[in-house]
């Protein structure tokens, strides 16, 4: 993505229209850092015995616990599925009897 010859970037994360390449690259690095932090938090939350997807959804990783809206649980579930799929594919997590566990 860093190498696309664009002059304008529009994000889905409330940043507006970005017209400076360095601004876009800085925001992209911050976003990637947030993804890494979120995956670390998910792995830490798996704990002994693991967690079901619904237990993880209730814990809230994308939205603050006090933020309520009709889409929040679905958004949490979708993002968690994506993170968990990557963790499973990388061998950093495993799925046992419907519970996600940290590998290792």
PDB file of N, CA and C in Angstrom:
ATOM      1  N   UNK A   1       0.812  -1.182   0.000  1.00  0.00           N
ATOM      2  CA  UNK A   1       0.000   0.000   0.000  1.00  0.00           C
ATOM      3  C   UNK A   1       0.869   1.264   0.000  1.00  0.00           C
ATOM      4  N   UNK A   2       2.007   1.203   0.651  1.00  0.00           N
ATOM      5  CA  UNK A   2       2.889   2.372   0.720  1.00  0.00           C
ATOM      6  C   UNK A   2       3.398   2.798  -0.651  1.00  0.00           C
ATOM      7  N   UNK A   3       3.419   1.861  -1.584  1.00  0.00           N
ATOM      8  CA  UNK A   3       4.023   2.119  -2.889  1.00  0.00           C
ATOM      9  C   UNK A   3       3.013   2.537  -3.964  1.00  0.00           C
ATOM     10  N   UNK A   4       1.738   2.623  -3.603  1.00  0.00           N
ATOM     11  CA  UNK A   4       0.737   3.045  -4.588  1.00  0.00           C
ATOM     12  C   UNK A   4       0.988   4.501  -4.967  1.00  0.00           C
ATOM     13  N   UNK A   5       0.973   4.805  -6.257  1.00  0.00           N
ATOM     14  CA  UNK A   5       1.242   6.175  -6.699  1.00  0.00           C
ATOM     15  C   UNK A   5      -0.005   7.063  -6.587  1.00  0.00           C
ATOM     16  N   UNK A   6      -0.460   7.281  -5.387  1.00  0.00           N
ATOM     17  CA  UNK A   6      -1.671   8.084  -5.157  1.00  0.00           C
ATOM     18  C   UNK A   6      -1.308   9.497  -4.722  1.00  0.00           C
ATOM     19  N   UNK A   7      -2.244  10.400  -4.922  1.00  0.00           N
ATOM     20  CA  UNK A   7      -2.081  11.781  -4.462  1.00  0.00           C
ATOM     21  C   UNK A   7      -3.114  12.130  -3.398  1.00  0.00           C
ATOM     22  N   UNK A   8      -4.161  11.284  -3.280  1.00  0.00           N
ATOM     23  CA  UNK A   8      -5.232  11.516  -2.310  1.00  0.00           C
ATOM     24  C   UNK A   8      -5.608  10.176  -1.698  1.00  0.00           C
ATOM     25  N   UNK A   9      -5.813  10.154  -0.367  1.00  0.00           N
ATOM     26  CA  UNK A   9      -6.236   8.955   0.347  1.00  0.00           C
ATOM     27  C   UNK A   9      -7.476   9.298   1.149  1.00  0.00           C
ATOM     28  N   UNK A  10      -8.434   8.387   1.159  1.00  0.00           N
ATOM     29  CA  UNK A  10      -9.649   8.550   1.953  1.00  0.00           C
ATOM     30  C   UNK A  10      -9.774   7.299   2.802  1.00  0.00           C
ATOM     31  N   UNK A  11      -9.877   7.471   4.116  1.00  0.00           N
ATOM     32  CA  UNK A  11      -9.905   6.327   5.016  1.00  0.00           C
ATOM     33  C   UNK A  11     -11.312   6.074   5.540  1.00  0.00           C
ATOM     34  N   UNK A  12     -11.482   4.915   6.135  1.00  0.00           N
ATOM     35  CA  UNK A  12     -12.728   4.556   6.812  1.00  0.00           C
ATOM     36  C   UNK A  12     -12.618   4.831   8.313  1.00  0.00           C
ATOM     37  N   UNK A  13     -11.583   5.474   8.746  1.00  0.00           N
ATOM     38  CA  UNK A  13     -11.349   5.644  10.174  1.00  0.00           C
ATOM     39  C   UNK A  13     -11.376   7.108  10.593  1.00  0.00           C
ATOM     40  N   UNK A  14     -12.302   7.845  10.023  1.00  0.00           N
ATOM     41  CA  UNK A  14     -12.597   9.213  10.456  1.00  0.00           C
ATOM     42  C   UNK A  14     -11.393  10.143  10.393  1.00  0.00           C
ATOM     43  N   UNK A  15     -10.533   9.959   9.414  1.00  0.00           N
ATOM     44  CA  UNK A  15      -9.375  10.839   9.236  1.00  0.00           C
ATOM     45  C   UNK A  15      -9.600  11.860   8.136  1.00  0.00           C
ATOM     46  N   UNK A  16     -10.669  11.679   7.375  1.00  0.00           N
ATOM     47  CA  UNK A  16     -10.965  12.612   6.302  1.00  0.00           C
ATOM     48  C   UNK A  16     -10.120  12.346   5.070  1.00  0.00           C
ATOM     49  N   UNK A  17     -10.047  13.351   4.222  1.00  0.00           N
ATOM     50  CA  UNK A  17      -9.265  13.264   2.993  1.00  0.00           C
ATOM     51  C   UNK A  17      -7.830  13.651   3.317  1.00  0.00           C
ATOM     52  N   UNK A  18      -6.893  12.815   2.901  1.00  0.00           N
ATOM     53  CA  UNK A  18      -5.472  13.048   3.168  1.00  0.00           C
ATOM     54  C   UNK A  18      -4.791  13.312   1.831  1.00  0.00           C
ATOM     55  N   UNK A  19      -4.069  14.412   1.762  1.00  0.00           N
ATOM     56  CA  UNK A  19      -3.416  14.776   0.503  1.00  0.00           C
ATOM     57  C   UNK A  19      -1.895  14.803   0.603  1.00  0.00           C
ATOM     58  N   UNK A  20      -1.366  14.595   1.783  1.00  0.00           N
ATOM     59  CA  UNK A  20       0.085  14.569   1.970  1.00  0.00           C
ATOM     60  C   UNK A  20       0.544  13.131   2.180  1.00  0.00           C
ATOM     61  N   UNK A  21       1.466  12.667   1.333  1.00  0.00           N
ATOM     62  CA  UNK A  21       1.958  11.288   1.419  1.00  0.00           C
ATOM     63  C   UNK A  21       2.533  10.955   2.792  1.00  0.00           C
ATOM     64  N   UNK A  22       3.334  11.842   3.369  1.00  0.00           N
ATOM     65  CA  UNK A  22       3.941  11.554   4.672  1.00  0.00           C
ATOM     66  C   UNK A  22       2.886  11.441   5.768  1.00  0.00           C
ATOM     67  N   UNK A  23       1.845  12.237   5.684  1.00  0.00           N
ATOM     68  CA  UNK A  23       0.741  12.130   6.649  1.00  0.00           C
ATOM     69  C   UNK A  23       0.075  10.775   6.521  1.00  0.00           C
ATOM     70  N   UNK A  24      -0.194  10.359   5.271  1.00  0.00           N
ATOM     71  CA  UNK A  24      -0.794   9.053   5.050  1.00  0.00           C
ATOM     72  C   UNK A  24       0.089   7.936   5.598  1.00  0.00           C
ATOM     73  N   UNK A  25       1.381   7.985   5.317  1.00  0.00           N
ATOM     74  CA  UNK A  25       2.290   6.936   5.785  1.00  0.00           C
ATOM     75  C   UNK A  25       2.361   6.895   7.307  1.00  0.00           C
ATOM     76  N   UNK A  26       2.349   8.052   7.951  1.00  0.00           N
ATOM     77  CA  UNK A  26       2.363   8.089   9.421  1.00  0.00           C
ATOM     78  C   UNK A  26       1.074   7.480   9.982  1.00  0.00           C
ATOM     79  N   UNK A  27      -0.058   7.811   9.379  1.00  0.00           N
ATOM     80  CA  UNK A  27      -1.328   7.239   9.830  1.00  0.00           C
ATOM     81  C   UNK A  27      -1.367   5.736   9.586  1.00  0.00           C
ATOM     82  N   UNK A  28      -0.807   5.291   8.477  1.00  0.00           N
ATOM     83  CA  UNK A  28      -0.761   3.861   8.176  1.00  0.00           C
ATOM     84  C   UNK A  28       0.094   3.120   9.205  1.00  0.00           C
ATOM     85  N   UNK A  29       1.243   3.692   9.562  1.00  0.00           N
ATOM     86  CA  UNK A  29       2.098   3.070  10.590  1.00  0.00           C
ATOM     87  C   UNK A  29       1.361   2.997  11.931  1.00  0.00           C
ATOM     88  N   UNK A  30       0.658   4.055  12.289  1.00  0.00           N
ATOM     89  CA  UNK A  30      -0.094   4.066  13.545  1.00  0.00           C
ATOM     90  C   UNK A  30      -1.195   3.010  13.531  1.00  0.00           C
ATOM     91  N   UNK A  31      -1.861   2.869  12.393  1.00  0.00           N
ATOM     92  CA  UNK A  31      -2.921   1.870  12.263  1.00  0.00           C
ATOM     93  C   UNK A  31      -2.349   0.462  12.408  1.00  0.00           C
ATOM     94  N   UNK A  32      -1.234   0.217  11.753  1.00  0.00           N
ATOM     95  CA  UNK A  32      -0.589  -1.105  11.885  1.00  0.00           C
ATOM     96  C   UNK A  32      -0.168  -1.368  13.326  1.00  0.00           C
ATOM     97  N   UNK A  33       0.323  -0.347  14.003  1.00  0.00           N
ATOM     98  CA  UNK A  33       0.686  -0.491  15.410  1.00  0.00           C
ATOM     99  C   UNK A  33      -0.518  -0.831  16.266  1.00  0.00           C
ATOM    100  N   UNK A  34      -1.656  -0.220  15.960  1.00  0.00           N
ATOM    101  CA  UNK A  34      -2.893  -0.501  16.695  1.00  0.00           C
ATOM    102  C   UNK A  34      -3.323  -1.944  16.488  1.00  0.00           C
ATOM    103  N   UNK A  35      -3.179  -2.449  15.275  1.00  0.00           N
ATOM    104  CA  UNK A  35      -3.521  -3.847  15.003  1.00  0.00           C
ATOM    105  C   UNK A  35      -2.633  -4.773  15.826  1.00  0.00           C
ATOM    106  N   UNK A  36      -1.335  -4.480  15.871  1.00  0.00           N
ATOM    107  CA  UNK A  36      -0.407  -5.297  16.671  1.00  0.00           C
ATOM    108  C   UNK A  36      -0.785  -5.258  18.149  1.00  0.00           C
ATOM    109  N   UNK A  37      -1.117  -4.069  18.666  1.00  0.00           N
ATOM    110  CA  UNK A  37      -1.531  -3.933  20.075  1.00  0.00           C
ATOM    111  C   UNK A  37      -2.803  -4.737  20.338  1.00  0.00           C
ATOM    112  N   UNK A  38      -3.736  -4.666  19.418  1.00  0.00           N
ATOM    113  CA  UNK A  38      -5.006  -5.377  19.588  1.00  0.00           C
ATOM    114  C   UNK A  38      -4.769  -6.884  19.603  1.00  0.00           C
ATOM    115  N   UNK A  39      -3.928  -7.386  18.696  1.00  0.00           N
ATOM    116  CA  UNK A  39      -3.641  -8.825  18.684  1.00  0.00           C
ATOM    117  C   UNK A  39      -2.964  -9.266  19.977  1.00  0.00           C
ATOM    118  N   UNK A  40      -2.063  -8.455  20.487  1.00  0.00           N
ATOM    119  CA  UNK A  40      -1.410  -8.777  21.757  1.00  0.00           C
ATOM    120  C   UNK A  40      -2.438  -8.826  22.890  1.00  0.00           C
ATOM    121  N   UNK A  41      -3.378  -7.889  22.886  1.00  0.00           N
ATOM    122  CA  UNK A  41      -4.416  -7.868  23.918  1.00  0.00           C
ATOM    123  C   UNK A  41      -5.334  -9.085  23.799  1.00  0.00           C
ATOM    124  N   UNK A  42      -5.656  -9.474  22.581  1.00  0.00           N
ATOM    125  CA  UNK A  42      -6.492 -10.659  22.380  1.00  0.00           C
ATOM    126  C   UNK A  42      -5.776 -11.902  22.880  1.00  0.00           C
ATOM    127  N   UNK A  43      -4.507 -12.056  22.514  1.00  0.00           N
ATOM    128  CA  UNK A  43      -3.735 -13.211  22.993  1.00  0.00           C
ATOM    129  C   UNK A  43      -3.674 -13.239  24.515  1.00  0.00           C
ATOM    130  N   UNK A  44      -3.457 -12.090  25.123  1.00  0.00           N
ATOM    131  CA  UNK A  44      -3.400 -12.026  26.591  1.00  0.00           C
ATOM    132  C   UNK A  44      -4.747 -12.393  27.203  1.00  0.00           C
ATOM    133  N   UNK A  45      -5.828 -12.028  26.544  1.00  0.00           N
ATOM    134  CA  UNK A  45      -7.167 -12.304  27.072  1.00  0.00           C
ATOM    135  C   UNK A  45      -7.540 -13.781  26.989  1.00  0.00           C
ATOM    136  N   UNK A  46      -6.879 -14.533  26.121  1.00  0.00           N
ATOM    137  CA  UNK A  46      -7.230 -15.938  25.977  1.00  0.00           C
ATOM    138  C   UNK A  46      -6.993 -16.704  27.262  1.00  0.00           C
ATOM    139  N   UNK A  47      -5.933 -16.360  27.983  1.00  0.00           N
ATOM    140  CA  UNK A  47      -5.683 -16.922  29.305  1.00  0.00           C
ATOM    141  C   UNK A  47      -5.789 -18.435  29.391  1.00  0.00           C
ATOM    142  N   UNK A  48      -5.656 -18.951  30.595  1.00  0.00           N
ATOM    143  CA  UNK A  48      -5.782 -20.399  30.793  1.00  0.00           C
ATOM    144  C   UNK A  48      -7.207 -20.864  30.470  1.00  0.00           C
ATOM    145  N   UNK A  49      -7.321 -21.885  29.696  1.00  0.00           N
ATOM    146  CA  UNK A  49      -8.632 -22.415  29.366  1.00  0.00           C
ATOM    147  C   UNK A  49      -9.270 -21.791  28.143  1.00  0.00           C
ATOM    148  N   UNK A  50      -8.703 -20.702  27.653  1.00  0.00           N
ATOM    149  CA  UNK A  50      -9.199 -20.076  26.439  1.00  0.00           C
ATOM    150  C   UNK A  50     -10.503 -19.323  26.644  1.00  0.00           C
ATOM    151  N   UNK A  51     -11.002 -18.762  25.561  1.00  0.00           N
ATOM    152  CA  UNK A  51     -12.241 -17.976  25.565  1.00  0.00           C
ATOM    153  C   UNK A  51     -13.028 -18.294  24.299  1.00  0.00           C
ATOM    154  N   UNK A  52     -14.344 -18.251  24.420  1.00  0.00           N
ATOM    155  CA  UNK A  52     -15.189 -18.388  23.237  1.00  0.00           C
ATOM    156  C   UNK A  52     -15.208 -17.048  22.504  1.00  0.00           C
ATOM    157  N   UNK A  53     -15.677 -17.085  21.272  1.00  0.00           N
ATOM    158  CA  UNK A  53     -15.801 -15.849  20.514  1.00  0.00           C
ATOM    159  C   UNK A  53     -16.718 -14.874  21.248  1.00  0.00           C
ATOM    160  N   UNK A  54     -17.834 -15.350  21.772  1.00  0.00           N
ATOM    161  CA  UNK A  54     -18.774 -14.460  22.455  1.00  0.00           C
ATOM    162  C   UNK A  54     -18.182 -13.875  23.742  1.00  0.00           C
ATOM    163  N   UNK A  55     -17.369 -14.634  24.445  1.00  0.00           N
ATOM    164  CA  UNK A  55     -16.688 -14.077  25.626  1.00  0.00           C
ATOM    165  C   UNK A  55     -15.732 -12.966  25.217  1.00  0.00           C
ATOM    166  N   UNK A  56     -15.053 -13.160  24.106  1.00  0.00           N
ATOM    167  CA  UNK A  56     -14.142 -12.123  23.611  1.00  0.00           C
ATOM    168  C   UNK A  56     -14.916 -10.894  23.128  1.00  0.00           C
ATOM    169  N   UNK A  57     -16.043 -11.112  22.450  1.00  0.00           N
ATOM    170  CA  UNK A  57     -16.877  -9.993  22.000  1.00  0.00           C
ATOM    171  C   UNK A  57     -17.287  -9.142  23.197  1.00  0.00           C
ATOM    172  N   UNK A  58     -17.691  -9.787  24.285  1.00  0.00           N
ATOM    173  CA  UNK A  58     -18.134  -9.069  25.481  1.00  0.00           C
ATOM    174  C   UNK A  58     -16.997  -8.288  26.132  1.00  0.00           C
ATOM    175  N   UNK A  59     -15.771  -8.722  25.909  1.00  0.00           N
ATOM    176  CA  UNK A  59     -14.617  -8.055  26.530  1.00  0.00           C
ATOM    177  C   UNK A  59     -14.277  -6.727  25.846  1.00  0.00           C
ATOM    178  N   UNK A  60     -14.634  -6.577  24.603  1.00  0.00           N
ATOM    179  CA  UNK A  60     -14.438  -5.347  23.832  1.00  0.00           C
ATOM    180  C   UNK A  60     -12.969  -5.035  23.563  1.00  0.00           C
ATOM    181  N   UNK A  61     -12.587  -5.163  22.329  1.00  0.00           N
ATOM    182  CA  UNK A  61     -11.230  -4.828  21.892  1.00  0.00           C
ATOM    183  C   UNK A  61     -11.215  -3.666  20.904  1.00  0.00           C
ATOM    184  N   UNK A  62     -12.310  -3.465  20.196  1.00  0.00           N
ATOM    185  CA  UNK A  62     -12.359  -2.408  19.191  1.00  0.00           C
ATOM    186  C   UNK A  62     -13.012  -1.134  19.729  1.00  0.00           C
ATOM    187  N   UNK A  63     -14.013  -1.296  20.564  1.00  0.00           N
ATOM    188  CA  UNK A  63     -14.763  -0.156  21.087  1.00  0.00           C
ATOM    189  C   UNK A  63     -14.646  -0.123  22.606  1.00  0.00           C
ATOM    190  N   UNK A  64     -14.685   1.063  23.185  1.00  0.00           N
ATOM    191  CA  UNK A  64     -14.653   1.160  24.658  1.00  0.00           C
ATOM    192  C   UNK A  64     -15.864   0.439  25.258  1.00  0.00           C
ATOM    193  N   UNK A  65     -15.689  -0.155  26.424  1.00  0.00           N
ATOM    194  CA  UNK A  65     -16.791  -0.915  27.048  1.00  0.00           C
ATOM    195  C   UNK A  65     -18.063  -0.093  27.272  1.00  0.00           C
ATOM    196  N   UNK A  66     -17.928   1.196  27.477  1.00  0.00           N
ATOM    197  CA  UNK A  66     -19.111   2.009  27.746  1.00  0.00           C
ATOM    198  C   UNK A  66     -19.766   2.563  26.477  1.00  0.00           C
ATOM    199  N   UNK A  67     -19.184   2.305  25.312  1.00  0.00           N
ATOM    200  CA  UNK A  67     -19.760   2.795  24.058  1.00  0.00           C
ATOM    201  C   UNK A  67     -20.824   1.815  23.597  1.00  0.00           C
ATOM    202  N   UNK A  68     -22.032   2.310  23.407  1.00  0.00           N
ATOM    203  CA  UNK A  68     -23.143   1.458  22.995  1.00  0.00           C
ATOM    204  C   UNK A  68     -23.726   1.958  21.682  1.00  0.00           C
ATOM    205  N   UNK A  69     -23.943   1.045  20.774  1.00  0.00           N
ATOM    206  CA  UNK A  69     -24.643   1.326  19.530  1.00  0.00           C
ATOM    207  C   UNK A  69     -25.074  -0.018  18.950  1.00  0.00           C
ATOM    208  N   UNK A  70     -26.017  -0.019  18.052  1.00  0.00           N
ATOM    209  CA  UNK A  70     -26.578  -1.277  17.545  1.00  0.00           C
ATOM    210  C   UNK A  70     -25.558  -2.118  16.782  1.00  0.00           C
ATOM    211  N   UNK A  71     -24.519  -1.519  16.240  1.00  0.00           N
ATOM    212  CA  UNK A  71     -23.561  -2.236  15.403  1.00  0.00           C
ATOM    213  C   UNK A  71     -22.337  -2.751  16.154  1.00  0.00           C
ATOM    214  N   UNK A  72     -22.161  -2.338  17.404  1.00  0.00           N
ATOM    215  CA  UNK A  72     -20.900  -2.576  18.106  1.00  0.00           C
ATOM    216  C   UNK A  72     -20.584  -4.063  18.259  1.00  0.00           C
ATOM    217  N   UNK A  73     -21.531  -4.851  18.726  1.00  0.00           N
ATOM    218  CA  UNK A  73     -21.238  -6.280  18.919  1.00  0.00           C
ATOM    219  C   UNK A  73     -20.925  -6.970  17.594  1.00  0.00           C
ATOM    220  N   UNK A  74     -21.657  -6.625  16.541  1.00  0.00           N
ATOM    221  CA  UNK A  74     -21.372  -7.219  15.227  1.00  0.00           C
ATOM    222  C   UNK A  74     -19.992  -6.804  14.730  1.00  0.00           C
ATOM    223  N   UNK A  75     -19.629  -5.542  14.926  1.00  0.00           N
ATOM    224  CA  UNK A  75     -18.309  -5.070  14.502  1.00  0.00           C
ATOM    225  C   UNK A  75     -17.213  -5.763  15.308  1.00  0.00           C
ATOM    226  N   UNK A  76     -17.423  -5.892  16.622  1.00  0.00           N
ATOM    227  CA  UNK A  76     -16.452  -6.611  17.458  1.00  0.00           C
ATOM    228  C   UNK A  76     -16.290  -8.045  16.967  1.00  0.00           C
ATOM    229  N   UNK A  77     -17.407  -8.707  16.714  1.00  0.00           N
ATOM    230  CA  UNK A  77     -17.389 -10.107  16.275  1.00  0.00           C
ATOM    231  C   UNK A  77     -16.636 -10.249  14.955  1.00  0.00           C
ATOM    232  N   UNK A  78     -16.931  -9.377  13.989  1.00  0.00           N
ATOM    233  CA  UNK A  78     -16.272  -9.438  12.687  1.00  0.00           C
ATOM    234  C   UNK A  78     -14.770  -9.223  12.810  1.00  0.00           C
ATOM    235  N   UNK A  79     -14.372  -8.199  13.547  1.00  0.00           N
ATOM    236  CA  UNK A  79     -12.942  -7.907  13.698  1.00  0.00           C
ATOM    237  C   UNK A  79     -12.233  -9.011  14.475  1.00  0.00           C
ATOM    238  N   UNK A  80     -12.887  -9.519  15.509  1.00  0.00           N
ATOM    239  CA  UNK A  80     -12.277 -10.610  16.268  1.00  0.00           C
ATOM    240  C   UNK A  80     -12.092 -11.853  15.411  1.00  0.00           C
ATOM    241  N   UNK A  81     -13.074 -12.157  14.576  1.00  0.00           N
ATOM    242  CA  UNK A  81     -12.920 -13.320  13.684  1.00  0.00           C
ATOM    243  C   UNK A  81     -11.694 -13.155  12.787  1.00  0.00           C
ATOM    244  N   UNK A  82     -11.492 -11.949  12.281  1.00  0.00           N
ATOM    245  CA  UNK A  82     -10.337 -11.697  11.416  1.00  0.00           C
ATOM    246  C   UNK A  82      -9.028 -11.829  12.199  1.00  0.00           C
ATOM    247  N   UNK A  83      -8.972 -11.240  13.377  1.00  0.00           N
ATOM    248  CA  UNK A  83      -7.767 -11.350  14.197  1.00  0.00           C
ATOM    249  C   UNK A  83      -7.507 -12.804  14.583  1.00  0.00           C
ATOM    250  N   UNK A  84      -8.549 -13.497  15.002  1.00  0.00           N
ATOM    251  CA  UNK A  84      -8.380 -14.889  15.422  1.00  0.00           C
ATOM    252  C   UNK A  84      -7.958 -15.774  14.264  1.00  0.00           C
ATOM    253  N   UNK A  85      -8.495 -15.540  13.081  1.00  0.00           N
ATOM    254  CA  UNK A  85      -8.087 -16.321  11.906  1.00  0.00           C
ATOM    255  C   UNK A  85      -6.602 -16.133  11.639  1.00  0.00           C
ATOM    256  N   UNK A  86      -6.125 -14.925  11.764  1.00  0.00           N
ATOM    257  CA  UNK A  86      -4.692 -14.675  11.553  1.00  0.00           C
ATOM    258  C   UNK A  86      -3.850 -15.332  12.641  1.00  0.00           C
ATOM    259  N   UNK A  87      -4.309 -15.232  13.890  1.00  0.00           N
ATOM    260  CA  UNK A  87      -3.572 -15.860  14.991  1.00  0.00           C
ATOM    261  C   UNK A  87      -3.534 -17.376  14.829  1.00  0.00           C
ATOM    262  N   UNK A  88      -4.634 -17.967  14.378  1.00  0.00           N
ATOM    263  CA  UNK A  88      -4.664 -19.407  14.122  1.00  0.00           C
ATOM    264  C   UNK A  88      -3.727 -19.773  12.977  1.00  0.00           C
ATOM    265  N   UNK A  89      -3.776 -19.008  11.893  1.00  0.00           N
ATOM    266  CA  UNK A  89      -2.943 -19.288  10.720  1.00  0.00           C
ATOM    267  C   UNK A  89      -1.459 -19.165  11.037  1.00  0.00           C
ATOM    268  N   UNK A  90      -1.116 -18.226  11.915  1.00  0.00           N
ATOM    269  CA  UNK A  90       0.286 -18.021  12.306  1.00  0.00           C
ATOM    270  C   UNK A  90       0.745 -18.986  13.388  1.00  0.00           C
ATOM    271  N   UNK A  91      -0.185 -19.794  13.908  1.00  0.00           N
ATOM    272  CA  UNK A  91       0.172 -20.732  14.966  1.00  0.00           C
ATOM    273  C   UNK A  91       0.310 -20.091  16.333  1.00  0.00           C
ATOM    274  N   UNK A  92      -0.170 -18.854  16.481  1.00  0.00           N
ATOM    275  CA  UNK A  92      -0.087 -18.182  17.790  1.00  0.00           C
ATOM    276  C   UNK A  92      -1.288 -18.486  18.667  1.00  0.00           C
ATOM    277  N   UNK A  93      -2.318 -19.098  18.070  1.00  0.00           N
ATOM    278  CA  UNK A  93      -3.509 -19.504  18.820  1.00  0.00           C
ATOM    279  C   UNK A  93      -3.990 -20.820  18.245  1.00  0.00           C
ATOM    280  N   UNK A  94      -4.833 -21.492  19.000  1.00  0.00           N
ATOM    281  CA  UNK A  94      -5.439 -22.731  18.539  1.00  0.00           C
ATOM    282  C   UNK A  94      -6.900 -22.738  18.997  1.00  0.00           C
ATOM    283  N   UNK A  95      -7.720 -23.535  18.339  1.00  0.00           N
ATOM    284  CA  UNK A  95      -9.139 -23.641  18.656  1.00  0.00           C
ATOM    285  C   UNK A  95      -9.408 -25.042  19.172  1.00  0.00           C
ATOM    286  N   UNK A  96      -9.908 -25.121  20.399  1.00  0.00           N
ATOM    287  CA  UNK A  96     -10.214 -26.409  21.029  1.00  0.00           C
ATOM    288  C   UNK A  96     -11.609 -26.366  21.625  1.00  0.00           C
ATOM    289  N   UNK A  97     -12.482 -27.227  21.129  1.00  0.00           N
ATOM    290  CA  UNK A  97     -13.838 -27.314  21.651  1.00  0.00           C
ATOM    291  C   UNK A  97     -14.541 -25.951  21.700  1.00  0.00           C
ATOM    292  N   UNK A  98     -14.377 -25.173  20.645  1.00  0.00           N
ATOM    293  CA  UNK A  98     -15.055 -23.893  20.568  1.00  0.00           C
ATOM    294  C   UNK A  98     -14.422 -22.779  21.376  1.00  0.00           C
ATOM    295  N   UNK A  99     -13.237 -23.050  21.933  1.00  0.00           N
ATOM    296  CA  UNK A  99     -12.542 -22.048  22.745  1.00  0.00           C
ATOM    297  C   UNK A  99     -11.201 -21.736  22.088  1.00  0.00           C
ATOM    298  N   UNK A 100     -10.907 -20.451  21.977  1.00  0.00           N
ATOM    299  CA  UNK A 100      -9.630 -19.999  21.436  1.00  0.00           C
ATOM    300  C   UNK A 100      -8.621 -19.948  22.558  1.00  0.00           C
ATOM    301  N   UNK A 101      -7.475 -20.571  22.329  1.00  0.00           N
ATOM    302  CA  UNK A 101      -6.415 -20.647  23.342  1.00  0.00           C
ATOM    303  C   UNK A 101      -5.122 -20.125  22.750  1.00  0.00           C
ATOM    304  N   UNK A 102      -4.312 -19.520  23.577  1.00  0.00           N
ATOM    305  CA  UNK A 102      -2.984 -19.090  23.121  1.00  0.00           C
ATOM    306  C   UNK A 102      -2.137 -20.337  22.900  1.00  0.00           C
ATOM    307  N   UNK A 103      -1.387 -20.357  21.829  1.00  0.00           N
ATOM    308  CA  UNK A 103      -0.498 -21.488  21.554  1.00  0.00           C
ATOM    309  C   UNK A 103       0.754 -21.350  22.400  1.00  0.00           C
ATOM    310  N   UNK A 104       1.316 -22.456  22.718  1.00  0.00           N
ATOM    311  CA  UNK A 104       2.587 -22.373  23.416  1.00  0.00           C
ATOM    312  C   UNK A 104       2.548 -23.003  24.715  1.00  0.00           C
TER     313      UNK A 104
END
